[in-house]
PDB file of N, CA and C in Angstrom:
ATOM      1  N   MET A   1       0.831  -1.192   0.000  1.00  0.00           N
ATOM      2  CA  MET A   1       0.000   0.000   0.000  1.00  0.00           C
ATOM      3  C   MET A   1       0.869   1.246   0.000  1.00  0.00           C
ATOM      4  N   GLY A   2       0.360   2.333  -0.515  1.00  0.00           N
ATOM      5  CA  GLY A   2       1.081   3.580  -0.550  1.00  0.00           C
ATOM      6  C   GLY A   2       1.236   4.198   0.832  1.00  0.00           C
ATOM      7  N   PHE A   3       2.214   5.061   0.935  1.00  0.00           N
ATOM      8  CA  PHE A   3       2.474   5.793   2.170  1.00  0.00           C
ATOM      9  C   PHE A   3       2.607   7.253   1.785  1.00  0.00           C
ATOM     10  N   GLY A   4       1.920   8.134   2.500  1.00  0.00           N
ATOM     11  CA  GLY A   4       1.967   9.535   2.113  1.00  0.00           C
ATOM     12  C   GLY A   4       1.988  10.470   3.290  1.00  0.00           C
ATOM     13  N   LEU A   5       2.087  11.738   2.961  1.00  0.00           N
ATOM     14  CA  LEU A   5       1.998  12.767   3.967  1.00  0.00           C
ATOM     15  C   LEU A   5       1.563  14.072   3.334  1.00  0.00           C
ATOM     16  N   VAL A   6       0.984  14.901   4.190  1.00  0.00           N
ATOM     17  CA  VAL A   6       0.610  16.260   3.829  1.00  0.00           C
ATOM     18  C   VAL A   6       1.336  17.162   4.814  1.00  0.00           C
ATOM     19  N   VAL A   7       1.984  18.188   4.291  1.00  0.00           N
ATOM     20  CA  VAL A   7       2.698  19.125   5.155  1.00  0.00           C
ATOM     21  C   VAL A   7       2.195  20.533   4.848  1.00  0.00           C
ATOM     22  N   ARG A   8       1.800  21.242   5.883  1.00  0.00           N
ATOM     23  CA  ARG A   8       1.363  22.635   5.748  1.00  0.00           C
ATOM     24  C   ARG A   8       2.480  23.517   6.283  1.00  0.00           C
ATOM     25  N   PHE A   9       3.019  24.349   5.413  1.00  0.00           N
ATOM     26  CA  PHE A   9       4.090  25.281   5.761  1.00  0.00           C
ATOM     27  C   PHE A   9       3.532  26.698   5.774  1.00  0.00           C
ATOM     28  N   VAL A  10       3.918  27.495   6.753  1.00  0.00           N
ATOM     29  CA  VAL A  10       3.556  28.909   6.791  1.00  0.00           C
ATOM     30  C   VAL A  10       4.864  29.700   6.761  1.00  0.00           C
ATOM     31  N   ALA A  11       5.055  30.453   5.688  1.00  0.00           N
ATOM     32  CA  ALA A  11       6.261  31.261   5.525  1.00  0.00           C
ATOM     33  C   ALA A  11       6.167  32.538   6.360  1.00  0.00           C
ATOM     34  N   ARG A  12       7.320  33.096   6.697  1.00  0.00           N
ATOM     35  CA  ARG A  12       7.392  34.310   7.529  1.00  0.00           C
ATOM     36  C   ARG A  12       6.768  35.527   6.841  1.00  0.00           C
ATOM     37  N   ASP A  13       6.974  35.623   5.528  1.00  0.00           N
ATOM     38  CA  ASP A  13       6.488  36.773   4.770  1.00  0.00           C
ATOM     39  C   ASP A  13       6.556  36.419   3.289  1.00  0.00           C
ATOM     40  N   ALA A  14       6.204  37.369   2.425  1.00  0.00           N
ATOM     41  CA  ALA A  14       6.168  37.108   0.977  1.00  0.00           C
ATOM     42  C   ALA A  14       7.542  36.740   0.431  1.00  0.00           C
ATOM     43  N   ALA A  15       8.584  37.434   0.868  1.00  0.00           N
ATOM     44  CA  ALA A  15       9.934  37.126   0.386  1.00  0.00           C
ATOM     45  C   ALA A  15      10.358  35.726   0.825  1.00  0.00           C
ATOM     46  N   SER A  16       9.999  35.351   2.042  1.00  0.00           N
ATOM     47  CA  SER A  16      10.315  34.015   2.536  1.00  0.00           C
ATOM     48  C   SER A  16       9.552  32.943   1.759  1.00  0.00           C
ATOM     49  N   ALA A  17       8.306  33.215   1.425  1.00  0.00           N
ATOM     50  CA  ALA A  17       7.518  32.262   0.638  1.00  0.00           C
ATOM     51  C   ALA A  17       8.161  32.046  -0.727  1.00  0.00           C
ATOM     52  N   GLN A  18       8.638  33.112  -1.317  1.00  0.00           N
ATOM     53  CA  GLN A  18       9.296  33.024  -2.624  1.00  0.00           C
ATOM     54  C   GLN A  18      10.604  32.221  -2.522  1.00  0.00           C
ATOM     55  N   ALA A  19      11.395  32.476  -1.501  1.00  0.00           N
ATOM     56  CA  ALA A  19      12.648  31.749  -1.301  1.00  0.00           C
ATOM     57  C   ALA A  19      12.371  30.279  -0.988  1.00  0.00           C
ATOM     58  N   PHE A  20      11.331  30.011  -0.208  1.00  0.00           N
ATOM     59  CA  PHE A  20      10.933  28.643   0.095  1.00  0.00           C
ATOM     60  C   PHE A  20      10.553  27.906  -1.186  1.00  0.00           C
ATOM     61  N   ASP A  21       9.793  28.557  -2.060  1.00  0.00           N
ATOM     62  CA  ASP A  21       9.402  27.949  -3.333  1.00  0.00           C
ATOM     63  C   ASP A  21      10.630  27.610  -4.176  1.00  0.00           C
ATOM     64  N   ALA A  22      11.625  28.484  -4.164  1.00  0.00           N
ATOM     65  CA  ALA A  22      12.851  28.222  -4.923  1.00  0.00           C
ATOM     66  C   ALA A  22      13.591  27.015  -4.349  1.00  0.00           C
ATOM     67  N   LEU A  23      13.680  26.930  -3.030  1.00  0.00           N
ATOM     68  CA  LEU A  23      14.311  25.780  -2.375  1.00  0.00           C
ATOM     69  C   LEU A  23      13.550  24.498  -2.708  1.00  0.00           C
ATOM     70  N   ALA A  24      12.233  24.547  -2.664  1.00  0.00           N
ATOM     71  CA  ALA A  24      11.414  23.376  -2.992  1.00  0.00           C
ATOM     72  C   ALA A  24      11.617  22.959  -4.450  1.00  0.00           C
ATOM     73  N   ALA A  25      11.711  23.920  -5.353  1.00  0.00           N
ATOM     74  CA  ALA A  25      11.922  23.608  -6.774  1.00  0.00           C
ATOM     75  C   ALA A  25      13.276  22.934  -6.992  1.00  0.00           C
ATOM     76  N   GLU A  26      14.301  23.409  -6.309  1.00  0.00           N
ATOM     77  CA  GLU A  26      15.624  22.776  -6.402  1.00  0.00           C
ATOM     78  C   GLU A  26      15.565  21.340  -5.883  1.00  0.00           C
ATOM     79  N   THR A  27      14.871  21.147  -4.800  1.00  0.00           N
ATOM     80  CA  THR A  27      14.730  19.821  -4.208  1.00  0.00           C
ATOM     81  C   THR A  27      13.990  18.888  -5.160  1.00  0.00           C
ATOM     82  N   LEU A  28      12.976  19.394  -5.803  1.00  0.00           N
ATOM     83  CA  LEU A  28      12.183  18.591  -6.729  1.00  0.00           C
ATOM     84  C   LEU A  28      13.022  18.068  -7.889  1.00  0.00           C
ATOM     85  N   GLN A  29      14.016  18.818  -8.312  1.00  0.00           N
ATOM     86  CA  GLN A  29      14.890  18.339  -9.391  1.00  0.00           C
ATOM     87  C   GLN A  29      15.555  17.028  -8.988  1.00  0.00           C
ATOM     88  N   GLY A  30      16.061  16.951  -7.774  1.00  0.00           N
ATOM     89  CA  GLY A  30      16.674  15.722  -7.286  1.00  0.00           C
ATOM     90  C   GLY A  30      15.669  14.605  -7.126  1.00  0.00           C
ATOM     91  N   ILE A  31      14.480  14.938  -6.669  1.00  0.00           N
ATOM     92  CA  ILE A  31      13.434  13.936  -6.480  1.00  0.00           C
ATOM     93  C   ILE A  31      13.065  13.307  -7.820  1.00  0.00           C
ATOM     94  N   ARG A  32      12.958  14.125  -8.851  1.00  0.00           N
ATOM     95  CA  ARG A  32      12.584  13.616 -10.177  1.00  0.00           C
ATOM     96  C   ARG A  32      13.616  12.643 -10.726  1.00  0.00           C
ATOM     97  N   THR A  33      14.879  12.895 -10.466  1.00  0.00           N
ATOM     98  CA  THR A  33      15.926  12.076 -11.081  1.00  0.00           C
ATOM     99  C   THR A  33      16.413  10.923 -10.232  1.00  0.00           C
ATOM    100  N   ALA A  34      16.233  10.970  -8.923  1.00  0.00           N
ATOM    101  CA  ALA A  34      16.879   9.983  -8.058  1.00  0.00           C
ATOM    102  C   ALA A  34      15.932   9.175  -7.175  1.00  0.00           C
ATOM    103  N   GLU A  35      14.612   9.331  -7.349  1.00  0.00           N
ATOM    104  CA  GLU A  35      13.695   8.687  -6.408  1.00  0.00           C
ATOM    105  C   GLU A  35      12.547   7.969  -7.121  1.00  0.00           C
ATOM    106  N   PRO A  36      12.789   6.773  -7.606  1.00  0.00           N
ATOM    107  CA  PRO A  36      11.705   6.049  -8.290  1.00  0.00           C
ATOM    108  C   PRO A  36      10.542   5.689  -7.369  1.00  0.00           C
ATOM    109  N   GLY A  37      10.772   5.589  -6.060  1.00  0.00           N
ATOM    110  CA  GLY A  37       9.706   5.250  -5.125  1.00  0.00           C
ATOM    111  C   GLY A  37       8.846   6.421  -4.706  1.00  0.00           C
ATOM    112  N   THR A  38       9.246   7.640  -5.114  1.00  0.00           N
ATOM    113  CA  THR A  38       8.425   8.826  -4.844  1.00  0.00           C
ATOM    114  C   THR A  38       7.451   8.964  -6.003  1.00  0.00           C
ATOM    115  N   LEU A  39       6.184   8.690  -5.733  1.00  0.00           N
ATOM    116  CA  LEU A  39       5.166   8.673  -6.781  1.00  0.00           C
ATOM    117  C   LEU A  39       4.606  10.059  -7.070  1.00  0.00           C
ATOM    118  N   LEU A  40       4.399  10.860  -6.034  1.00  0.00           N
ATOM    119  CA  LEU A  40       3.921  12.241  -6.168  1.00  0.00           C
ATOM    120  C   LEU A  40       4.627  13.101  -5.144  1.00  0.00           C
ATOM    121  N   TYR A  41       4.975  14.309  -5.546  1.00  0.00           N
ATOM    122  CA  TYR A  41       5.574  15.277  -4.630  1.00  0.00           C
ATOM    123  C   TYR A  41       5.192  16.641  -5.187  1.00  0.00           C
ATOM    124  N   VAL A  42       4.187  17.242  -4.597  1.00  0.00           N
ATOM    125  CA  VAL A  42       3.596  18.453  -5.176  1.00  0.00           C
ATOM    126  C   VAL A  42       3.547  19.566  -4.138  1.00  0.00           C
ATOM    127  N   ASN A  43       4.013  20.744  -4.521  1.00  0.00           N
ATOM    128  CA  ASN A  43       3.957  21.953  -3.702  1.00  0.00           C
ATOM    129  C   ASN A  43       2.752  22.760  -4.174  1.00  0.00           C
ATOM    130  N   HIS A  44       1.810  22.990  -3.276  1.00  0.00           N
ATOM    131  CA  HIS A  44       0.591  23.729  -3.608  1.00  0.00           C
ATOM    132  C   HIS A  44       0.593  25.097  -2.935  1.00  0.00           C
ATOM    133  N   ALA A  45       0.127  26.113  -3.652  1.00  0.00           N
ATOM    134  CA  ALA A  45      -0.193  27.409  -3.050  1.00  0.00           C
ATOM    135  C   ALA A  45      -1.637  27.329  -2.565  1.00  0.00           C
ATOM    136  N   VAL A  46      -1.965  28.120  -1.560  1.00  0.00           N
ATOM    137  CA  VAL A  46      -3.318  28.124  -0.999  1.00  0.00           C
ATOM    138  C   VAL A  46      -3.970  29.461  -1.350  1.00  0.00           C
ATOM    139  N   PRO A  47      -5.074  29.435  -2.107  1.00  0.00           N
ATOM    140  CA  PRO A  47      -5.749  30.688  -2.446  1.00  0.00           C
ATOM    141  C   PRO A  47      -6.102  31.465  -1.182  1.00  0.00           C
ATOM    142  N   ASP A  48      -5.901  32.764  -1.243  1.00  0.00           N
ATOM    143  CA  ASP A  48      -6.210  33.688  -0.150  1.00  0.00           C
ATOM    144  C   ASP A  48      -5.311  33.535   1.075  1.00  0.00           C
ATOM    145  N   GLU A  49      -4.277  32.713   0.982  1.00  0.00           N
ATOM    146  CA  GLU A  49      -3.281  32.582   2.048  1.00  0.00           C
ATOM    147  C   GLU A  49      -1.898  32.585   1.381  1.00  0.00           C
ATOM    148  N   PRO A  50      -1.411  33.749   0.973  1.00  0.00           N
ATOM    149  CA  PRO A  50      -0.210  33.820   0.144  1.00  0.00           C
ATOM    150  C   PRO A  50       1.075  33.300   0.786  1.00  0.00           C
ATOM    151  N   HIS A  51       1.108  33.167   2.090  1.00  0.00           N
ATOM    152  CA  HIS A  51       2.313  32.682   2.754  1.00  0.00           C
ATOM    153  C   HIS A  51       2.251  31.188   3.066  1.00  0.00           C
ATOM    154  N   VAL A  52       1.153  30.534   2.688  1.00  0.00           N
ATOM    155  CA  VAL A  52       0.970  29.116   3.006  1.00  0.00           C
ATOM    156  C   VAL A  52       1.274  28.254   1.787  1.00  0.00           C
ATOM    157  N   ARG A  53       1.980  27.151   2.055  1.00  0.00           N
ATOM    158  CA  ARG A  53       2.233  26.126   1.055  1.00  0.00           C
ATOM    159  C   ARG A  53       1.812  24.795   1.653  1.00  0.00           C
ATOM    160  N   VAL A  54       1.254  23.932   0.819  1.00  0.00           N
ATOM    161  CA  VAL A  54       0.890  22.588   1.252  1.00  0.00           C
ATOM    162  C   VAL A  54       1.541  21.596   0.306  1.00  0.00           C
ATOM    163  N   PHE A  55       2.334  20.712   0.894  1.00  0.00           N
ATOM    164  CA  PHE A  55       2.958  19.640   0.107  1.00  0.00           C
ATOM    165  C   PHE A  55       2.081  18.404   0.224  1.00  0.00           C
ATOM    166  N   TYR A  56       1.899  17.727  -0.899  1.00  0.00           N
ATOM    167  CA  TYR A  56       1.303  16.405  -0.897  1.00  0.00           C
ATOM    168  C   TYR A  56       2.361  15.469  -1.440  1.00  0.00           C
ATOM    169  N   GLU A  57       2.675  14.454  -0.651  1.00  0.00           N
ATOM    170  CA  GLU A  57       3.718  13.505  -1.023  1.00  0.00           C
ATOM    171  C   GLU A  57       3.164  12.093  -0.935  1.00  0.00           C
ATOM    172  N   LEU A  58       3.428  11.290  -1.961  1.00  0.00           N
ATOM    173  CA  LEU A  58       2.988   9.905  -1.974  1.00  0.00           C
ATOM    174  C   LEU A  58       4.158   9.031  -2.393  1.00  0.00           C
ATOM    175  N   TYR A  59       4.380   7.986  -1.630  1.00  0.00           N
ATOM    176  CA  TYR A  59       5.491   7.062  -1.841  1.00  0.00           C
ATOM    177  C   TYR A  59       4.957   5.660  -2.053  1.00  0.00           C
ATOM    178  N   ALA A  60       5.720   4.832  -2.731  1.00  0.00           N
ATOM    179  CA  ALA A  60       5.306   3.459  -2.985  1.00  0.00           C
ATOM    180  C   ALA A  60       5.048   2.717  -1.677  1.00  0.00           C
ATOM    181  N   ASP A  61       5.859   3.012  -0.664  1.00  0.00           N
ATOM    182  CA  ASP A  61       5.716   2.385   0.650  1.00  0.00           C
ATOM    183  C   ASP A  61       6.581   3.155   1.643  1.00  0.00           C
ATOM    184  N   ARG A  62       6.569   2.728   2.883  1.00  0.00           N
ATOM    185  CA  ARG A  62       7.342   3.420   3.927  1.00  0.00           C
ATOM    186  C   ARG A  62       8.843   3.382   3.627  1.00  0.00           C
ATOM    187  N   GLU A  63       9.307   2.291   3.077  1.00  0.00           N
ATOM    188  CA  GLU A  63      10.729   2.169   2.720  1.00  0.00           C
ATOM    189  C   GLU A  63      11.126   3.237   1.688  1.00  0.00           C
ATOM    190  N   ALA A  64      10.261   3.507   0.721  1.00  0.00           N
ATOM    191  CA  ALA A  64      10.543   4.543  -0.281  1.00  0.00           C
ATOM    192  C   ALA A  64      10.609   5.917   0.381  1.00  0.00           C
ATOM    193  N   PHE A  65       9.735   6.175   1.354  1.00  0.00           N
ATOM    194  CA  PHE A  65       9.793   7.436   2.094  1.00  0.00           C
ATOM    195  C   PHE A  65      11.107   7.545   2.864  1.00  0.00           C
ATOM    196  N   ASP A  66      11.499   6.468   3.537  1.00  0.00           N
ATOM    197  CA  ASP A  66      12.755   6.483   4.289  1.00  0.00           C
ATOM    198  C   ASP A  66      13.944   6.742   3.365  1.00  0.00           C
ATOM    199  N   GLU A  67      13.915   6.163   2.171  1.00  0.00           N
ATOM    200  CA  GLU A  67      14.978   6.405   1.190  1.00  0.00           C
ATOM    201  C   GLU A  67      14.963   7.871   0.742  1.00  0.00           C
ATOM    202  N   HIS A  68      13.789   8.422   0.547  1.00  0.00           N
ATOM    203  CA  HIS A  68      13.630   9.845   0.199  1.00  0.00           C
ATOM    204  C   HIS A  68      14.303  10.720   1.254  1.00  0.00           C
ATOM    205  N   GLU A  69      14.054  10.426   2.514  1.00  0.00           N
ATOM    206  CA  GLU A  69      14.607  11.217   3.612  1.00  0.00           C
ATOM    207  C   GLU A  69      16.136  11.153   3.678  1.00  0.00           C
ATOM    208  N   ARG A  70      16.745  10.113   3.135  1.00  0.00           N
ATOM    209  CA  ARG A  70      18.207   9.962   3.158  1.00  0.00           C
ATOM    210  C   ARG A  70      18.914  10.694   2.017  1.00  0.00           C
ATOM    211  N   GLN A  71      18.178  11.159   1.028  1.00  0.00           N
ATOM    212  CA  GLN A  71      18.777  11.781  -0.151  1.00  0.00           C
ATOM    213  C   GLN A  71      19.410  13.135   0.191  1.00  0.00           C
ATOM    214  N   PRO A  72      20.566  13.444  -0.408  1.00  0.00           N
ATOM    215  CA  PRO A  72      21.242  14.716  -0.112  1.00  0.00           C
ATOM    216  C   PRO A  72      20.381  15.942  -0.410  1.00  0.00           C
ATOM    217  N   HIS A  73      19.616  15.916  -1.502  1.00  0.00           N
ATOM    218  CA  HIS A  73      18.779  17.077  -1.839  1.00  0.00           C
ATOM    219  C   HIS A  73      17.667  17.275  -0.806  1.00  0.00           C
ATOM    220  N   VAL A  74      17.155  16.197  -0.231  1.00  0.00           N
ATOM    221  CA  VAL A  74      16.119  16.300   0.794  1.00  0.00           C
ATOM    222  C   VAL A  74      16.733  16.756   2.113  1.00  0.00           C
ATOM    223  N   ARG A  75      17.892  16.234   2.449  1.00  0.00           N
ATOM    224  CA  ARG A  75      18.561  16.647   3.687  1.00  0.00           C
ATOM    225  C   ARG A  75      18.885  18.140   3.651  1.00  0.00           C
ATOM    226  N   ARG A  76      19.267  18.638   2.480  1.00  0.00           N
ATOM    227  CA  ARG A  76      19.523  20.077   2.327  1.00  0.00           C
ATOM    228  C   ARG A  76      18.234  20.870   2.538  1.00  0.00           C
ATOM    229  N   PHE A  77      17.140  20.411   1.924  1.00  0.00           N
ATOM    230  CA  PHE A  77      15.846  21.077   2.094  1.00  0.00           C
ATOM    231  C   PHE A  77      15.459  21.135   3.572  1.00  0.00           C
ATOM    232  N   LEU A  78      15.575  20.005   4.268  1.00  0.00           N
ATOM    233  CA  LEU A  78      15.201  19.942   5.679  1.00  0.00           C
ATOM    234  C   LEU A  78      16.066  20.864   6.533  1.00  0.00           C
ATOM    235  N   ALA A  79      17.353  20.979   6.169  1.00  0.00           N
ATOM    236  CA  ALA A  79      18.271  21.831   6.932  1.00  0.00           C
ATOM    237  C   ALA A  79      18.024  23.319   6.697  1.00  0.00           C
ATOM    238  N   GLU A  80      17.591  23.685   5.495  1.00  0.00           N
ATOM    239  CA  GLU A  80      17.476  25.100   5.130  1.00  0.00           C
ATOM    240  C   GLU A  80      16.072  25.691   5.230  1.00  0.00           C
ATOM    241  N   ARG A  81      15.048  24.877   5.272  1.00  0.00           N
ATOM    242  CA  ARG A  81      13.679  25.400   5.214  1.00  0.00           C
ATOM    243  C   ARG A  81      13.311  26.289   6.400  1.00  0.00           C
ATOM    244  N   GLY A  82      13.865  26.009   7.567  1.00  0.00           N
ATOM    245  CA  GLY A  82      13.486  26.723   8.782  1.00  0.00           C
ATOM    246  C   GLY A  82      13.676  28.225   8.719  1.00  0.00           C
ATOM    247  N   GLN A  83      14.676  28.679   7.979  1.00  0.00           N
ATOM    248  CA  GLN A  83      14.936  30.116   7.895  1.00  0.00           C
ATOM    249  C   GLN A  83      13.793  30.882   7.223  1.00  0.00           C
ATOM    250  N   TYR A  84      12.956  30.176   6.468  1.00  0.00           N
ATOM    251  CA  TYR A  84      11.863  30.824   5.743  1.00  0.00           C
ATOM    252  C   TYR A  84      10.502  30.661   6.423  1.00  0.00           C
ATOM    253  N   LEU A  85      10.444  29.812   7.457  1.00  0.00           N
ATOM    254  CA  LEU A  85       9.147  29.406   7.989  1.00  0.00           C
ATOM    255  C   LEU A  85       8.808  29.990   9.345  1.00  0.00           C
ATOM    256  N   GLU A  86       7.533  30.271   9.493  1.00  0.00           N
ATOM    257  CA  GLU A  86       6.961  30.630  10.787  1.00  0.00           C
ATOM    258  C   GLU A  86       6.550  29.351  11.521  1.00  0.00           C
ATOM    259  N   SER A  87       6.013  28.381  10.742  1.00  0.00           N
ATOM    260  CA  SER A  87       5.598  27.112  11.320  1.00  0.00           C
ATOM    261  C   SER A  87       5.388  26.081  10.218  1.00  0.00           C
ATOM    262  N   PHE A  88       5.278  24.805  10.646  1.00  0.00           N
ATOM    263  CA  PHE A  88       4.865  23.752   9.730  1.00  0.00           C
ATOM    264  C   PHE A  88       4.223  22.628  10.532  1.00  0.00           C
ATOM    265  N   GLU A  89       3.365  21.873   9.847  1.00  0.00           N
ATOM    266  CA  GLU A  89       2.651  20.760  10.472  1.00  0.00           C
ATOM    267  C   GLU A  89       2.633  19.590   9.496  1.00  0.00           C
ATOM    268  N   VAL A  90       3.029  18.408   9.974  1.00  0.00           N
ATOM    269  CA  VAL A  90       3.092  17.200   9.154  1.00  0.00           C
ATOM    270  C   VAL A  90       1.987  16.242   9.566  1.00  0.00           C
ATOM    271  N   THR A  91       1.273  15.708   8.578  1.00  0.00           N
ATOM    272  CA  THR A  91       0.281  14.670   8.804  1.00  0.00           C
ATOM    273  C   THR A  91       0.652  13.474   7.947  1.00  0.00           C
ATOM    274  N   PHE A  92       0.964  12.342   8.583  1.00  0.00           N
ATOM    275  CA  PHE A  92       1.292  11.122   7.852  1.00  0.00           C
ATOM    276  C   PHE A  92       0.003  10.403   7.473  1.00  0.00           C
ATOM    277  N   LEU A  93       0.032   9.736   6.305  1.00  0.00           N
ATOM    278  CA  LEU A  93      -1.144   9.074   5.761  1.00  0.00           C
ATOM    279  C   LEU A  93      -0.814   7.636   5.365  1.00  0.00           C
ATOM    280  N   GLU A  94      -1.721   6.734   5.623  1.00  0.00           N
ATOM    281  CA  GLU A  94      -1.605   5.369   5.133  1.00  0.00           C
ATOM    282  C   GLU A  94      -2.798   5.101   4.229  1.00  0.00           C
ATOM    283  N   GLU A  95      -2.518   4.670   3.018  1.00  0.00           N
ATOM    284  CA  GLU A  95      -3.565   4.459   2.025  1.00  0.00           C
ATOM    285  C   GLU A  95      -4.508   3.330   2.428  1.00  0.00           C
ATOM    286  N   ILE A  96      -5.792   3.595   2.268  1.00  0.00           N
ATOM    287  CA  ILE A  96      -6.814   2.573   2.469  1.00  0.00           C
ATOM    288  C   ILE A  96      -7.287   2.075   1.104  1.00  0.00           C
ATOM    289  N   SER A  97      -7.657   3.013   0.243  1.00  0.00           N
ATOM    290  CA  SER A  97      -8.074   2.667  -1.111  1.00  0.00           C
ATOM    291  C   SER A  97      -7.989   3.912  -1.969  1.00  0.00           C
ATOM    292  N   GLY A  98      -8.081   3.727  -3.267  1.00  0.00           N
ATOM    293  CA  GLY A  98      -8.019   4.875  -4.151  1.00  0.00           C
ATOM    294  C   GLY A  98      -7.937   4.467  -5.604  1.00  0.00           C
ATOM    295  N   LYS A  99      -7.732   5.436  -6.442  1.00  0.00           N
ATOM    296  CA  LYS A  99      -7.607   5.216  -7.880  1.00  0.00           C
ATOM    297  C   LYS A  99      -6.266   5.749  -8.332  1.00  0.00           C
ATOM    298  N   GLY A 100      -5.473   4.890  -8.907  1.00  0.00           N
ATOM    299  CA  GLY A 100      -4.215   5.319  -9.499  1.00  0.00           C
ATOM    300  C   GLY A 100      -3.175   5.783  -8.513  1.00  0.00           C
ATOM    301  N   THR A 101      -3.243   5.349  -7.276  1.00  0.00           N
ATOM    302  CA  THR A 101      -2.300   5.840  -6.282  1.00  0.00           C
ATOM    303  C   THR A 101      -1.220   4.840  -5.936  1.00  0.00           C
ATOM    304  N   SER A 102      -1.405   3.590  -6.248  1.00  0.00           N
ATOM    305  CA  SER A 102      -0.450   2.566  -5.866  1.00  0.00           C
ATOM    306  C   SER A 102       0.160   1.925  -7.106  1.00  0.00           C
ATOM    307  N   PRO A 103       1.496   1.734  -7.122  1.00  0.00           N
ATOM    308  CA  PRO A 103       2.117   1.129  -8.292  1.00  0.00           C
ATOM    309  C   PRO A 103       1.704  -0.332  -8.480  1.00  0.00           C
ATOM    310  N   ASN A 104       1.200  -0.979  -7.436  1.00  0.00           N
ATOM    311  CA  ASN A 104       0.807  -2.387  -7.511  1.00  0.00           C
ATOM    312  C   ASN A 104      -0.704  -2.562  -7.679  1.00  0.00           C
ATOM    313  N   GLN A 105      -1.393  -1.468  -7.910  1.00  0.00           N
ATOM    314  CA  GLN A 105      -2.847  -1.505  -8.001  1.00  0.00           C
ATOM    315  C   GLN A 105      -3.292  -2.267  -9.249  1.00  0.00           C
ATOM    316  N   VAL A 106      -4.288  -3.100  -9.094  1.00  0.00           N
ATOM    317  CA  VAL A 106      -4.847  -3.850 -10.207  1.00  0.00           C
ATOM    318  C   VAL A 106      -6.019  -3.060 -10.765  1.00  0.00           C
ATOM    319  N   ALA A 107      -6.083  -2.944 -12.070  1.00  0.00           N
ATOM    320  CA  ALA A 107      -7.166  -2.178 -12.710  1.00  0.00           C
ATOM    321  C   ALA A 107      -8.497  -2.869 -12.580  1.00  0.00           C
TER     322      ALA A 107
END
């Protein structure tokens, strides 16, 4: 079954939100090339909340998430994000059912 998380980030101000987005974009480059177990990794803006970002992340399984966390580009993101943030909240998710979310899903 898939393993996922949702993270809500609140940036300090508009400049911090912009810098955070740049850091996230750099991180995504590494995720695209080095993480086959990362199925989705999306940075969302929130309408009417310009300093808020919500990440939705989906992994093939918990092992794929753990491998993601060990990657140098992710470790850099985790080390540097705090300078831009007022707060963040992580919610871990375990898949129950869905459409197109699991690499082992039978049609």
